[in-house]
Amino acid sequence: MAQPEGQEKPQKAEKKEKAKKEKAEKPVEKKVDENFRYIVRIMNSDIDGNKSVLMGIQNVKGVGPRVAAVIAKRTGIKPSEKMGDLSEAQTDAIEKIIASYPEFAPSWAVNRQNDVETGEDMHIFGVDLDIVKKDDINRMKMIRCYKGVRHEQGQKVRGQKTRSNGRTGLTMGVSRQKAQQPGSSASSEKK
């Protein structure tokens, strides 16, 4: 490629020096906010402050992507904002909206429809979710329904096949007979 007159091709060493100077000129500045919280506590869950609001809210047990998006929209907080940058008032607002989620959510969007004991539609969060799940499994075991029996036995509950997967206990493989050498088997039969 031809160079225009009056210009010389820069050498590789010169290019490297220029690149080093440019890097040295650009100071590396990280925005360190004094109010940044590295751990945010919402609904008895510790949330990493570096996560976005949309991903951070999902750390609360019982909140998935859809519920998190609804909560972020209700609070008016940008879903891409970091959890650690939120003020205490904003995290309190998120917590209140999470607690009141069943009031404004449609019945198909809650995780506990037509509760066995109360007959209400509820959305359960946090440790309560584990307790309710354990109670449901115990109720199935007590009434001796098929699912309860399968839970007691430690077998698969939802109709999956159990021939090859979900095996517990001792591992039983296919036993093979020892391979005999062709010369020795023929000589032993003749005797």
C-alpha atoms as a PDB file:
ATOM      1  CA  MET A   1       0.000   0.000   0.000  1.00  0.00           C
ATOM      2  CA  ALA A   2       1.423   3.327  -1.021  1.00  0.00           C
ATOM      3  CA  GLN A   3       1.978   6.048   1.575  1.00  0.00           C
ATOM      4  CA  PRO A   4       1.052   9.658   0.773  1.00  0.00           C
ATOM      5  CA  GLU A   5       3.982  11.927   0.180  1.00  0.00           C
ATOM      6  CA  GLY A   6       5.505  13.530   3.235  1.00  0.00           C
ATOM      7  CA  GLN A   7       4.332  10.786   5.612  1.00  0.00           C
ATOM      8  CA  GLU A   8       6.434   7.938   6.839  1.00  0.00           C
ATOM      9  CA  LYS A   9       5.196   4.603   8.067  1.00  0.00           C
ATOM     10  CA  PRO A  10       5.344   4.508  11.906  1.00  0.00           C
ATOM     11  CA  GLN A  11       7.527   1.825  13.376  1.00  0.00           C
ATOM     12  CA  LYS A  12       6.156  -0.893  15.687  1.00  0.00           C
ATOM     13  CA  ALA A  13       8.179   0.372  18.625  1.00  0.00           C
ATOM     14  CA  GLU A  14       6.686   3.832  18.209  1.00  0.00           C
ATOM     15  CA  LYS A  15       3.171   2.381  18.162  1.00  0.00           C
ATOM     16  CA  LYS A  16       3.805   0.496  21.395  1.00  0.00           C
ATOM     17  CA  GLU A  17       5.161   3.621  23.079  1.00  0.00           C
ATOM     18  CA  LYS A  18       2.101   5.632  22.030  1.00  0.00           C
ATOM     19  CA  ALA A  19      -0.205   2.924  23.370  1.00  0.00           C
ATOM     20  CA  LYS A  20       1.643   2.918  26.702  1.00  0.00           C
ATOM     21  CA  LYS A  21       1.400   6.706  26.970  1.00  0.00           C
ATOM     22  CA  GLU A  22      -2.351   6.621  26.269  1.00  0.00           C
ATOM     23  CA  LYS A  23      -2.863   4.002  28.955  1.00  0.00           C
ATOM     24  CA  ALA A  24      -0.814   6.010  31.441  1.00  0.00           C
ATOM     25  CA  GLU A  25      -2.778   9.180  30.652  1.00  0.00           C
ATOM     26  CA  LYS A  26      -6.154   7.575  31.328  1.00  0.00           C
ATOM     27  CA  PRO A  27      -6.545   7.342  35.089  1.00  0.00           C
ATOM     28  CA  VAL A  28      -8.544   4.350  36.212  1.00  0.00           C
ATOM     29  CA  GLU A  29     -11.388   5.736  38.281  1.00  0.00           C
ATOM     30  CA  LYS A  30     -13.894   3.483  39.953  1.00  0.00           C
ATOM     31  CA  LYS A  31     -16.934   5.127  41.378  1.00  0.00           C
ATOM     32  CA  VAL A  32     -16.903   4.215  45.024  1.00  0.00           C
ATOM     33  CA  ASP A  33     -20.042   5.430  46.682  1.00  0.00           C
ATOM     34  CA  GLU A  34     -19.891   5.765  50.444  1.00  0.00           C
ATOM     35  CA  ASN A  35     -23.527   4.651  50.728  1.00  0.00           C
ATOM     36  CA  PHE A  36     -23.071   1.493  48.630  1.00  0.00           C
ATOM     37  CA  ARG A  37     -24.242  -1.593  50.534  1.00  0.00           C
ATOM     38  CA  TYR A  38     -22.576  -4.852  49.581  1.00  0.00           C
ATOM     39  CA  ILE A  39     -25.243  -6.941  51.299  1.00  0.00           C
ATOM     40  CA  VAL A  40     -28.897  -5.902  51.247  1.00  0.00           C
ATOM     41  CA  ARG A  41     -31.387  -7.687  53.494  1.00  0.00           C
ATOM     42  CA  ILE A  42     -34.936  -8.129  52.160  1.00  0.00           C
ATOM     43  CA  MET A  43     -37.502 -10.587  53.550  1.00  0.00           C
ATOM     44  CA  ASN A  44     -34.870 -12.433  55.660  1.00  0.00           C
ATOM     45  CA  SER A  45     -32.669 -12.993  52.603  1.00  0.00           C
ATOM     46  CA  ASP A  46     -29.179 -11.620  52.083  1.00  0.00           C
ATOM     47  CA  ILE A  47     -28.824 -10.178  48.594  1.00  0.00           C
ATOM     48  CA  ASP A  48     -25.534  -9.304  46.904  1.00  0.00           C
ATOM     49  CA  GLY A  49     -25.348  -5.535  46.407  1.00  0.00           C
ATOM     50  CA  ASN A  50     -23.587  -5.906  43.050  1.00  0.00           C
ATOM     51  CA  LYS A  51     -26.606  -7.643  41.483  1.00  0.00           C
ATOM     52  CA  SER A  52     -29.227  -5.754  39.541  1.00  0.00           C
ATOM     53  CA  VAL A  53     -32.611  -5.158  41.151  1.00  0.00           C
ATOM     54  CA  LEU A  54     -34.284  -7.689  38.861  1.00  0.00           C
ATOM     55  CA  MET A  55     -31.780 -10.450  39.686  1.00  0.00           C
ATOM     56  CA  GLY A  56     -31.388  -9.506  43.344  1.00  0.00           C
ATOM     57  CA  ILE A  57     -35.087  -9.718  44.182  1.00  0.00           C
ATOM     58  CA  GLN A  58     -35.073 -13.267  42.816  1.00  0.00           C
ATOM     59  CA  ASN A  59     -32.802 -14.326  45.682  1.00  0.00           C
ATOM     60  CA  VAL A  60     -35.842 -14.146  47.959  1.00  0.00           C
ATOM     61  CA  LYS A  61     -37.363 -17.624  48.092  1.00  0.00           C
ATOM     62  CA  GLY A  62     -40.736 -17.609  46.330  1.00  0.00           C
ATOM     63  CA  VAL A  63     -39.840 -14.778  43.928  1.00  0.00           C
ATOM     64  CA  GLY A  64     -39.105 -15.744  40.344  1.00  0.00           C
ATOM     65  CA  PRO A  65     -38.359 -13.684  37.239  1.00  0.00           C
ATOM     66  CA  ARG A  66     -41.985 -12.744  36.571  1.00  0.00           C
ATOM     67  CA  VAL A  67     -42.746 -11.687  40.154  1.00  0.00           C
ATOM     68  CA  ALA A  68     -39.454  -9.751  40.312  1.00  0.00           C
ATOM     69  CA  ALA A  69     -40.341  -7.842  37.143  1.00  0.00           C
ATOM     70  CA  VAL A  70     -43.784  -6.945  38.525  1.00  0.00           C
ATOM     71  CA  ILE A  71     -42.288  -5.770  41.823  1.00  0.00           C
ATOM     72  CA  ALA A  72     -39.616  -3.659  40.100  1.00  0.00           C
ATOM     73  CA  LYS A  73     -42.267  -2.041  37.914  1.00  0.00           C
ATOM     74  CA  ARG A  74     -44.538  -1.344  40.905  1.00  0.00           C
ATOM     75  CA  THR A  75     -41.765   0.345  42.879  1.00  0.00           C
ATOM     76  CA  GLY A  76     -40.667   2.466  39.931  1.00  0.00           C
ATOM     77  CA  ILE A  77     -37.035   1.417  40.303  1.00  0.00           C
ATOM     78  CA  LYS A  78     -35.030   0.671  37.157  1.00  0.00           C
ATOM     79  CA  PRO A  79     -34.530  -3.117  36.909  1.00  0.00           C
ATOM     80  CA  SER A  80     -30.896  -2.629  35.863  1.00  0.00           C
ATOM     81  CA  GLU A  81     -29.944  -0.559  38.927  1.00  0.00           C
ATOM     82  CA  LYS A  82     -27.623  -2.209  41.448  1.00  0.00           C
ATOM     83  CA  MET A  83     -29.149  -3.408  44.720  1.00  0.00           C
ATOM     84  CA  GLY A  84     -26.350  -1.783  46.734  1.00  0.00           C
ATOM     85  CA  ASP A  85     -27.170   1.663  45.315  1.00  0.00           C
ATOM     86  CA  LEU A  86     -30.742   1.588  46.625  1.00  0.00           C
ATOM     87  CA  SER A  87     -31.580   3.653  49.654  1.00  0.00           C
ATOM     88  CA  GLU A  88     -33.049   2.180  52.827  1.00  0.00           C
ATOM     89  CA  ALA A  89     -36.459   3.646  51.919  1.00  0.00           C
ATOM     90  CA  GLN A  90     -36.385   1.969  48.506  1.00  0.00           C
ATOM     91  CA  THR A  91     -35.548  -1.441  49.963  1.00  0.00           C
ATOM     92  CA  ASP A  92     -38.364  -0.999  52.502  1.00  0.00           C
ATOM     93  CA  ALA A  93     -40.728  -0.170  49.629  1.00  0.00           C
ATOM     94  CA  ILE A  94     -39.621  -3.334  47.793  1.00  0.00           C
ATOM     95  CA  GLU A  95     -40.224  -5.393  50.931  1.00  0.00           C
ATOM     96  CA  LYS A  96     -43.722  -3.937  51.410  1.00  0.00           C
ATOM     97  CA  ILE A  97     -44.677  -4.615  47.798  1.00  0.00           C
ATOM     98  CA  ILE A  98     -43.365  -8.187  48.030  1.00  0.00           C
ATOM     99  CA  ALA A  99     -45.476  -8.729  51.158  1.00  0.00           C
ATOM    100  CA  SER A 100     -48.575  -7.273  49.465  1.00  0.00           C
ATOM    101  CA  TYR A 101     -48.039  -9.115  46.157  1.00  0.00           C
ATOM    102  CA  PRO A 102     -50.995 -11.523  46.589  1.00  0.00           C
ATOM    103  CA  GLU A 103     -53.397  -8.571  46.909  1.00  0.00           C
ATOM    104  CA  PHE A 104     -52.793  -7.225  43.404  1.00  0.00           C
ATOM    105  CA  ALA A 105     -51.641 -10.379  41.593  1.00  0.00           C
ATOM    106  CA  PRO A 106     -54.137 -12.478  39.635  1.00  0.00           C
ATOM    107  CA  SER A 107     -54.991 -15.879  41.084  1.00  0.00           C
ATOM    108  CA  TRP A 108     -52.991 -17.724  38.407  1.00  0.00           C
ATOM    109  CA  ALA A 109     -49.803 -15.821  39.349  1.00  0.00           C
ATOM    110  CA  VAL A 110     -49.569 -16.895  42.998  1.00  0.00           C
ATOM    111  CA  ASN A 111     -47.728 -19.985  44.224  1.00  0.00           C
ATOM    112  CA  ARG A 112     -50.423 -21.318  46.585  1.00  0.00           C
ATOM    113  CA  GLN A 113     -53.848 -21.423  44.947  1.00  0.00           C
ATOM    114  CA  ASN A 114     -56.879 -22.627  46.892  1.00  0.00           C
ATOM    115  CA  ASP A 115     -55.011 -23.492  50.093  1.00  0.00           C
ATOM    116  CA  VAL A 116     -56.140 -26.796  51.657  1.00  0.00           C
ATOM    117  CA  GLU A 117     -56.706 -25.345  55.129  1.00  0.00           C
ATOM    118  CA  THR A 118     -58.105 -21.875  54.350  1.00  0.00           C
ATOM    119  CA  GLY A 119     -59.269 -22.120  50.731  1.00  0.00           C
ATOM    120  CA  GLU A 120     -57.590 -18.786  49.884  1.00  0.00           C
ATOM    121  CA  ASP A 121     -55.126 -17.860  47.160  1.00  0.00           C
ATOM    122  CA  MET A 122     -51.803 -16.969  48.791  1.00  0.00           C
ATOM    123  CA  HIS A 123     -48.252 -16.273  47.735  1.00  0.00           C
ATOM    124  CA  ILE A 124     -45.738 -17.614  50.233  1.00  0.00           C
ATOM    125  CA  PHE A 125     -42.185 -16.288  50.609  1.00  0.00           C
ATOM    126  CA  GLY A 126     -39.027 -17.274  52.451  1.00  0.00           C
ATOM    127  CA  VAL A 127     -38.883 -19.902  55.156  1.00  0.00           C
ATOM    128  CA  ASP A 128     -42.684 -20.216  55.175  1.00  0.00           C
ATOM    129  CA  LEU A 129     -42.434 -21.805  51.722  1.00  0.00           C
ATOM    130  CA  ASP A 130     -40.270 -24.647  53.073  1.00  0.00           C
ATOM    131  CA  ILE A 131     -42.573 -25.157  56.073  1.00  0.00           C
ATOM    132  CA  VAL A 132     -45.724 -25.311  53.933  1.00  0.00           C
ATOM    133  CA  LYS A 133     -44.095 -27.721  51.478  1.00  0.00           C
ATOM    134  CA  LYS A 134     -43.019 -30.016  54.323  1.00  0.00           C
ATOM    135  CA  ASP A 135     -46.541 -29.883  55.812  1.00  0.00           C
ATOM    136  CA  ASP A 136     -48.075 -30.826  52.457  1.00  0.00           C
ATOM    137  CA  ILE A 137     -45.777 -33.830  52.112  1.00  0.00           C
ATOM    138  CA  ASN A 138     -46.567 -34.937  55.694  1.00  0.00           C
ATOM    139  CA  ARG A 139     -50.314 -34.602  54.974  1.00  0.00           C
ATOM    140  CA  MET A 140     -49.943 -36.841  51.894  1.00  0.00           C
ATOM    141  CA  LYS A 141     -48.019 -39.402  53.958  1.00  0.00           C
ATOM    142  CA  MET A 142     -50.660 -39.399  56.691  1.00  0.00           C
ATOM    143  CA  ILE A 143     -53.606 -39.968  54.352  1.00  0.00           C
ATOM    144  CA  ARG A 144     -51.581 -42.672  52.569  1.00  0.00           C
ATOM    145  CA  CYS A 145     -52.178 -41.314  49.080  1.00  0.00           C
ATOM    146  CA  TYR A 146     -49.976 -42.578  46.248  1.00  0.00           C
ATOM    147  CA  LYS A 147     -47.744 -39.506  46.265  1.00  0.00           C
ATOM    148  CA  GLY A 148     -47.301 -39.795  50.038  1.00  0.00           C
ATOM    149  CA  VAL A 149     -46.313 -43.439  49.781  1.00  0.00           C
ATOM    150  CA  ARG A 150     -43.785 -42.627  47.059  1.00  0.00           C
ATOM    151  CA  HIS A 151     -42.336 -39.848  49.241  1.00  0.00           C
ATOM    152  CA  GLU A 152     -41.976 -42.301  52.143  1.00  0.00           C
ATOM    153  CA  GLN A 153     -40.217 -44.841  49.968  1.00  0.00           C
ATOM    154  CA  GLY A 154     -37.891 -42.227  48.494  1.00  0.00           C
ATOM    155  CA  GLN A 155     -39.068 -43.092  44.981  1.00  0.00           C
ATOM    156  CA  LYS A 156     -39.961 -40.760  42.129  1.00  0.00           C
ATOM    157  CA  VAL A 157     -43.345 -39.155  42.678  1.00  0.00           C
ATOM    158  CA  ARG A 158     -44.467 -37.708  39.361  1.00  0.00           C
ATOM    159  CA  GLY A 159     -44.727 -40.826  37.227  1.00  0.00           C
ATOM    160  CA  GLN A 160     -41.180 -40.987  35.911  1.00  0.00           C
ATOM    161  CA  LYS A 161     -39.720 -44.334  34.941  1.00  0.00           C
ATOM    162  CA  THR A 162     -37.458 -45.917  37.546  1.00  0.00           C
ATOM    163  CA  ARG A 163     -35.837 -48.765  35.658  1.00  0.00           C
ATOM    164  CA  SER A 164     -32.549 -47.022  34.931  1.00  0.00           C
ATOM    165  CA  ASN A 165     -32.622 -43.700  36.811  1.00  0.00           C
ATOM    166  CA  GLY A 166     -33.189 -42.828  40.445  1.00  0.00           C
ATOM    167  CA  ARG A 167     -31.514 -45.948  41.723  1.00  0.00           C
ATOM    168  CA  THR A 168     -30.529 -45.964  45.369  1.00  0.00           C
ATOM    169  CA  GLY A 169     -28.748 -48.456  47.565  1.00  0.00           C
ATOM    170  CA  LEU A 170     -26.198 -50.941  46.318  1.00  0.00           C
ATOM    171  CA  THR A 171     -25.129 -50.607  42.722  1.00  0.00           C
ATOM    172  CA  MET A 172     -25.764 -53.760  40.754  1.00  0.00           C
ATOM    173  CA  GLY A 173     -24.005 -54.005  37.431  1.00  0.00           C
ATOM    174  CA  VAL A 174     -24.206 -56.617  34.744  1.00  0.00           C
ATOM    175  CA  SER A 175     -22.031 -59.557  35.795  1.00  0.00           C
ATOM    176  CA  ARG A 176     -19.938 -61.060  33.038  1.00  0.00           C
ATOM    177  CA  GLN A 177     -18.351 -64.460  32.946  1.00  0.00           C
ATOM    178  CA  LYS A 178     -14.592 -64.596  32.686  1.00  0.00           C
ATOM    179  CA  ALA A 179     -13.473 -64.845  29.094  1.00  0.00           C
ATOM    180  CA  GLN A 180     -11.823 -68.199  28.440  1.00  0.00           C
ATOM    181  CA  GLN A 181      -8.930 -68.649  26.083  1.00  0.00           C
ATOM    182  CA  PRO A 182      -9.857 -70.540  22.921  1.00  0.00           C
ATOM    183  CA  GLY A 183      -7.110 -73.181  23.236  1.00  0.00           C
ATOM    184  CA  SER A 184      -7.778 -74.082  26.867  1.00  0.00           C
ATOM    185  CA  SER A 185     -11.534 -74.602  26.502  1.00  0.00           C
ATOM    186  CA  ALA A 186     -11.161 -77.103  23.683  1.00  0.00           C
ATOM    187  CA  SER A 187      -8.513 -79.133  25.521  1.00  0.00           C
ATOM    188  CA  SER A 188     -10.558 -79.304  28.731  1.00  0.00           C
ATOM    189  CA  GLU A 189     -13.621 -80.657  26.889  1.00  0.00           C
ATOM    190  CA  LYS A 190     -11.691 -83.544  25.329  1.00  0.00           C
ATOM    191  CA  LYS A 191     -10.400 -84.835  28.680  1.00  0.00           C
END
